[in-house]
Amino acid sequence: MFVGGLNQREDYHIEEGEELFFQIKGDMCLKIMERGQRRDIHIKEGEMFLLPARVPHSPQRRAGTMGLVIERERQESELDGLRYYVDGSQEVLFERWFRCEDLVTQLAPIIKEFFTSEQCRTRTPLTAAQRVDPPFPLEVEREVEPPLPFSPWLQRQRVNLLEGRAQRPFKGRYETQLKIYGAGQSEGDGEEADTWIWQMEGTSRVAVGDVTLPLGPDDSLLIPAGTRYQWKRDVGCTSLYLVQNPSRKLPYNSH
C-alpha cells in the first residue's frame, strides 16, 4: 500500500513477517527497537529499507510525503501486536495482541483504548499480573541493514541486469524474495503466495494461460498464489519482483 503523511504516532507495531519500505516522495523516520534499544531509521526519498520480522516499529511521516509499504499476509496462527513504551525507555506501558485482517481499521480502536486508559493518563505501566506474554519472541539480536539508495545501487547493477543476472538489493537472510530483473525470460511455477511485479523501466509481458498482459513503466501486476505464468522482459527493462511467502518464515533467533 501507499502511505502518506501527516503521520506522527507513539505506538509500535509488531508482526511475525517482514516489511518493505520504499520512500517515493520526501523523507520519513522509522522508529524501531533494535537489540532492546531505541533507534531512528531515516529513510530518504528514493531509498528502500527491509525491516526484519518481529522488530517493534513506529513510522513517522511528515505532511506531503509518500511511501510504498509492503507486508505479507498473516498465517492463521499469527497475532500482531500494538505496543506503547514508557517515555524514553524500553519498559512496556501498554499493549494489545490481535488477529490482523485489516490493519487500517483494526488499529484505530486499540489506539482509542490506549488514550482512554489509566496507563496513558498516569504513564504507569501494567503490573506483572496484568501483562500478557507476547505470542512469539521479539527480535533482540539482529542489527538491521541501513536503507538502500536505490537509484545509485541500480546503476551499479546495470551490467549484471543486461547479462540476464537478477540482483537482490538486500544480501542478509530474509524470508522476503525480492529481486530486480533486467531483460530475459522466466516462468512462475505456482508460488504458494501472491507475486507482485512492478515494471520500473521499459516493458515486459506476462502470459497467464491464453491471456498476455503488457506492462509499461510504472505498471504493476499482482499474480495470485498458485498461478503459473511466463514472463518475457524486453531490452531496457527493469522490473521489481516480490514474493512474501509465510511458509518461508525464518526460525526464531536465526540470522
Protein backbone atom coordinates (compact mmCIF):
# COMPACT_ATOMS: atom_id res chain seq x y z
CA MET A 1 0.00 0.00 0.00
CA PHE A 2 0.99 3.64 -0.46
CA VAL A 3 1.08 5.66 2.75
CA GLY A 4 1.19 9.44 3.00
CA GLY A 5 1.72 11.94 5.79
CA LEU A 6 1.00 13.50 8.15
CA ASN A 7 1.54 10.53 10.48
CA GLN A 8 3.12 11.15 13.89
CA ARG A 9 2.46 8.40 16.43
CA GLU A 10 3.57 6.87 19.71
CA ASP A 11 2.59 3.25 19.11
CA TYR A 12 4.88 0.49 17.85
CA HIS A 13 3.62 -2.27 15.56
CA ILE A 14 4.94 -5.83 15.90
CA GLU A 15 4.41 -8.70 13.46
CA GLU A 16 5.98 -12.02 12.53
CA GLY A 17 6.62 -11.02 8.93
CA GLU A 18 8.96 -8.52 7.29
CA GLU A 19 8.05 -5.11 5.86
CA LEU A 20 9.46 -3.45 2.77
CA PHE A 21 9.61 0.36 2.72
CA PHE A 22 10.31 2.37 -0.44
CA GLN A 23 10.12 6.13 0.01
CA ILE A 24 8.63 7.70 -3.13
CA LYS A 25 8.29 11.37 -2.12
CA GLY A 26 10.02 13.10 0.77
CA ASP A 27 11.75 11.51 3.75
CA MET A 28 10.40 9.52 6.69
CA CYS A 29 11.64 8.25 10.05
CA LEU A 30 11.02 4.69 11.17
CA LYS A 31 11.46 4.38 14.92
CA ILE A 32 12.43 0.85 15.95
CA MET A 33 13.56 -1.11 18.97
CA GLU A 34 16.88 -2.68 17.96
CA ARG A 35 18.59 -5.05 20.38
CA GLY A 36 16.44 -3.61 23.14
CA GLN A 37 17.39 0.00 22.36
CA ARG A 38 15.52 2.79 20.61
CA ARG A 39 16.82 3.71 17.17
CA ASP A 40 15.65 6.03 14.42
CA ILE A 41 15.97 4.79 10.83
CA HIS A 42 15.84 7.76 8.45
CA ILE A 43 14.58 6.63 5.05
CA LYS A 44 15.17 9.32 2.47
CA GLU A 45 13.33 9.87 -0.79
CA GLY A 46 14.38 7.15 -3.24
CA GLU A 47 15.63 4.79 -0.53
CA MET A 48 14.48 1.25 0.16
CA PHE A 49 14.52 -0.49 3.54
CA LEU A 50 13.66 -4.06 4.51
CA LEU A 51 12.60 -4.41 8.14
CA PRO A 52 13.28 -7.84 9.70
CA ALA A 53 10.46 -9.75 11.33
CA ARG A 54 9.46 -9.26 14.99
CA VAL A 55 11.05 -5.82 15.32
CA PRO A 56 8.82 -3.21 17.03
CA HIS A 57 8.49 -0.24 14.70
CA SER A 58 6.71 3.11 14.56
CA PRO A 59 6.58 5.01 11.23
CA GLN A 60 6.73 8.80 11.40
CA ARG A 61 5.77 10.74 8.27
CA ARG A 62 5.64 14.45 7.53
CA ALA A 63 2.88 16.11 5.52
CA GLY A 64 3.31 15.86 1.77
CA THR A 65 5.38 12.66 1.86
CA MET A 66 4.51 9.34 0.20
CA GLY A 67 5.94 5.86 0.59
CA LEU A 68 5.29 2.31 -0.51
CA VAL A 69 4.89 -0.24 2.31
CA ILE A 70 4.50 -3.95 1.64
CA GLU A 71 3.87 -6.58 4.28
CA ARG A 72 2.77 -10.16 3.85
CA GLU A 73 -0.46 -11.95 4.65
CA ARG A 74 -0.64 -13.50 8.08
CA GLN A 75 -0.85 -17.18 8.87
CA GLU A 76 -3.97 -18.21 10.79
CA SER A 77 -1.95 -18.80 13.95
CA GLU A 78 -0.18 -15.42 13.90
CA LEU A 79 -1.03 -12.40 16.02
CA ASP A 80 0.06 -8.77 15.58
CA GLY A 81 0.91 -6.50 18.48
CA LEU A 82 0.45 -2.81 19.15
CA ARG A 83 2.66 -1.55 21.95
CA TYR A 84 3.38 1.69 23.78
CA TYR A 85 6.54 2.25 25.80
CA VAL A 86 7.17 4.34 28.87
CA ASP A 87 8.60 7.66 27.65
CA GLY A 88 12.29 7.35 26.75
CA SER A 89 12.65 3.76 27.95
CA GLN A 90 12.24 0.15 26.87
CA GLU A 91 9.60 -0.62 29.51
CA VAL A 92 6.21 -1.60 28.08
CA LEU A 93 3.45 0.83 29.05
CA PHE A 94 0.51 -0.76 27.22
CA GLU A 95 -0.01 -3.41 24.54
CA ARG A 96 -2.65 -5.44 22.76
CA TRP A 97 -2.35 -8.54 20.55
CA PHE A 98 -4.85 -9.24 17.79
CA ARG A 99 -5.52 -11.33 14.70
CA CYS A 100 -4.71 -8.95 11.84
CA GLU A 101 -7.23 -8.91 8.99
CA ASP A 102 -7.40 -5.20 8.14
CA LEU A 103 -4.67 -3.19 9.83
CA VAL A 104 -6.15 0.19 8.85
CA THR A 105 -9.48 -0.43 10.61
CA GLN A 106 -8.19 -2.55 13.49
CA LEU A 107 -5.59 -0.14 14.83
CA ALA A 108 -7.97 2.75 15.49
CA PRO A 109 -9.99 1.07 18.31
CA ILE A 110 -6.79 -0.06 20.06
CA ILE A 111 -5.28 3.41 19.84
CA LYS A 112 -8.52 4.87 21.23
CA GLU A 113 -8.44 2.33 24.05
CA PHE A 114 -4.91 3.39 24.95
CA PHE A 115 -5.70 7.10 25.04
CA THR A 116 -8.60 6.47 27.44
CA SER A 117 -6.60 4.05 29.61
CA GLU A 118 -5.13 4.56 33.07
CA GLN A 119 -1.69 3.75 31.61
CA CYS A 120 -1.92 6.71 29.24
CA ARG A 121 -3.21 9.04 31.98
CA THR A 122 -0.65 8.07 34.64
CA ARG A 123 2.21 6.87 32.37
CA THR A 124 2.43 3.91 34.77
CA PRO A 125 2.89 0.52 33.07
CA LEU A 126 0.78 -2.55 33.61
CA THR A 127 1.58 -4.62 36.64
CA ALA A 128 3.16 -8.07 36.25
CA ALA A 129 -0.23 -9.64 36.90
CA GLN A 130 -1.84 -7.55 34.13
CA ARG A 131 0.77 -8.21 31.47
CA VAL A 132 0.35 -10.90 28.83
CA ASP A 133 3.40 -12.68 27.42
CA PRO A 134 3.92 -11.97 23.70
CA PRO A 135 2.86 -14.90 21.48
CA PHE A 136 6.37 -15.05 19.98
CA PRO A 137 9.84 -13.85 20.98
CA LEU A 138 10.75 -10.39 19.75
CA GLU A 139 13.93 -9.91 17.70
CA VAL A 140 16.58 -8.74 20.17
CA GLU A 141 19.84 -9.80 18.50
CA ARG A 142 19.73 -8.71 14.87
CA GLU A 143 21.17 -5.42 13.63
CA VAL A 144 19.15 -4.04 10.71
CA GLU A 145 20.70 -3.22 7.36
CA PRO A 146 20.79 0.52 6.51
CA PRO A 147 18.35 1.97 3.98
CA LEU A 148 19.48 1.45 0.39
CA PRO A 149 19.72 4.45 -2.01
CA PHE A 150 18.01 2.60 -4.82
CA SER A 151 18.95 4.57 -7.95
CA PRO A 152 22.75 4.56 -7.31
CA TRP A 153 22.55 0.86 -6.43
CA LEU A 154 20.62 0.17 -9.64
CA GLN A 155 23.22 1.96 -11.76
CA ARG A 156 25.92 -0.32 -10.31
CA GLN A 157 23.89 -3.37 -11.35
CA ARG A 158 23.30 -2.40 -14.99
CA VAL A 159 25.88 -4.79 -16.45
CA ASN A 160 24.56 -7.72 -14.43
CA LEU A 161 20.99 -6.95 -15.45
CA LEU A 162 21.93 -6.60 -19.13
CA GLU A 163 23.60 -10.00 -18.96
CA GLY A 164 20.47 -11.57 -17.50
CA ARG A 165 21.53 -11.86 -13.86
CA ALA A 166 18.80 -10.81 -11.44
CA GLN A 167 20.04 -8.91 -8.39
CA ARG A 168 19.00 -8.86 -4.75
CA PRO A 169 19.03 -5.40 -3.13
CA PHE A 170 19.44 -6.90 0.35
CA LYS A 171 22.00 -9.64 0.98
CA GLY A 172 21.05 -10.65 4.51
CA ARG A 173 18.88 -13.61 5.42
CA TYR A 174 15.23 -12.74 4.81
CA GLU A 175 12.01 -14.57 4.10
CA THR A 176 11.05 -11.93 1.53
CA GLN A 177 12.00 -12.87 -2.03
CA LEU A 178 12.96 -9.53 -3.56
CA LYS A 179 14.81 -9.33 -6.86
CA ILE A 180 15.43 -6.82 -9.63
CA TYR A 181 15.28 -8.25 -13.16
CA GLY A 182 16.55 -6.95 -16.48
CA ALA A 183 15.88 -8.30 -19.97
CA GLY A 184 15.21 -12.02 -20.23
CA GLN A 185 12.57 -14.64 -19.70
CA SER A 186 11.39 -16.64 -16.70
CA GLU A 187 8.44 -18.70 -15.53
CA GLY A 188 6.36 -18.76 -12.37
CA ASP A 189 5.65 -22.27 -11.20
CA GLY A 190 2.65 -21.58 -8.99
CA GLU A 191 4.10 -19.85 -5.92
CA GLU A 192 2.40 -20.51 -2.57
CA ALA A 193 1.95 -16.75 -2.13
CA ASP A 194 1.00 -13.84 -4.39
CA THR A 195 3.67 -12.47 -6.74
CA TRP A 196 3.94 -8.72 -7.27
CA ILE A 197 5.73 -7.28 -10.31
CA TRP A 198 6.50 -3.58 -10.63
CA GLN A 199 7.64 -2.52 -14.08
CA MET A 200 10.08 0.24 -13.15
CA GLU A 201 11.60 0.89 -16.59
CA GLY A 202 10.97 -0.40 -20.11
CA THR A 203 8.42 -3.03 -21.00
CA SER A 204 7.62 -6.68 -20.39
CA ARG A 205 4.78 -9.15 -20.94
CA VAL A 206 3.23 -11.65 -18.56
CA ALA A 207 1.31 -14.56 -20.09
CA VAL A 208 -1.23 -16.39 -17.92
CA GLY A 209 -2.88 -19.16 -19.88
CA ASP A 210 -4.18 -17.64 -23.11
CA VAL A 211 -4.03 -14.08 -21.79
CA THR A 212 -0.96 -11.85 -22.27
CA LEU A 213 -0.69 -8.74 -20.11
CA PRO A 214 1.66 -5.96 -21.34
CA LEU A 215 3.47 -3.91 -18.70
CA GLY A 216 4.91 -0.44 -19.26
CA PRO A 217 6.81 1.96 -17.00
CA ASP A 218 5.25 2.19 -13.51
CA ASP A 219 2.70 -0.53 -14.24
CA SER A 220 2.35 -3.24 -11.64
CA LEU A 221 0.75 -6.66 -11.60
CA LEU A 222 -0.39 -8.88 -8.73
CA ILE A 223 -0.34 -12.56 -9.69
CA PRO A 224 -2.46 -14.71 -7.34
CA ALA A 225 -0.88 -17.59 -5.46
CA GLY A 226 -0.83 -20.87 -7.35
CA THR A 227 -0.83 -19.21 -10.80
CA ARG A 228 1.57 -20.41 -13.48
CA TYR A 229 2.85 -17.72 -15.81
CA GLN A 230 5.54 -16.85 -18.36
CA TRP A 231 7.31 -13.51 -18.09
CA LYS A 232 9.20 -12.01 -21.06
CA ARG A 233 11.23 -8.86 -20.40
CA ASP A 234 12.43 -6.62 -23.23
CA VAL A 235 15.81 -4.94 -23.62
CA GLY A 236 15.89 -1.86 -21.39
CA CYS A 237 13.57 -3.46 -18.87
CA THR A 238 13.99 -3.04 -15.11
CA SER A 239 11.42 -4.89 -13.02
CA LEU A 240 10.96 -5.44 -9.31
CA TYR A 241 9.82 -8.92 -8.33
CA LEU A 242 8.49 -9.62 -4.84
CA VAL A 243 7.03 -12.65 -3.09
CA GLN A 244 6.35 -12.80 0.65
CA ASN A 245 5.56 -16.40 1.48
CA PRO A 246 4.64 -17.06 5.14
CA SER A 247 5.92 -20.63 4.84
CA ARG A 248 9.44 -19.20 4.43
CA LYS A 249 9.27 -17.67 7.90
CA LEU A 250 12.71 -17.87 9.49
CA PRO A 251 13.19 -19.79 12.73
CA TYR A 252 13.40 -17.64 15.83
CA ASN A 253 16.92 -16.37 16.58
CA SER A 254 18.05 -17.25 13.03
CA HIS A 255 20.18 -14.56 11.35
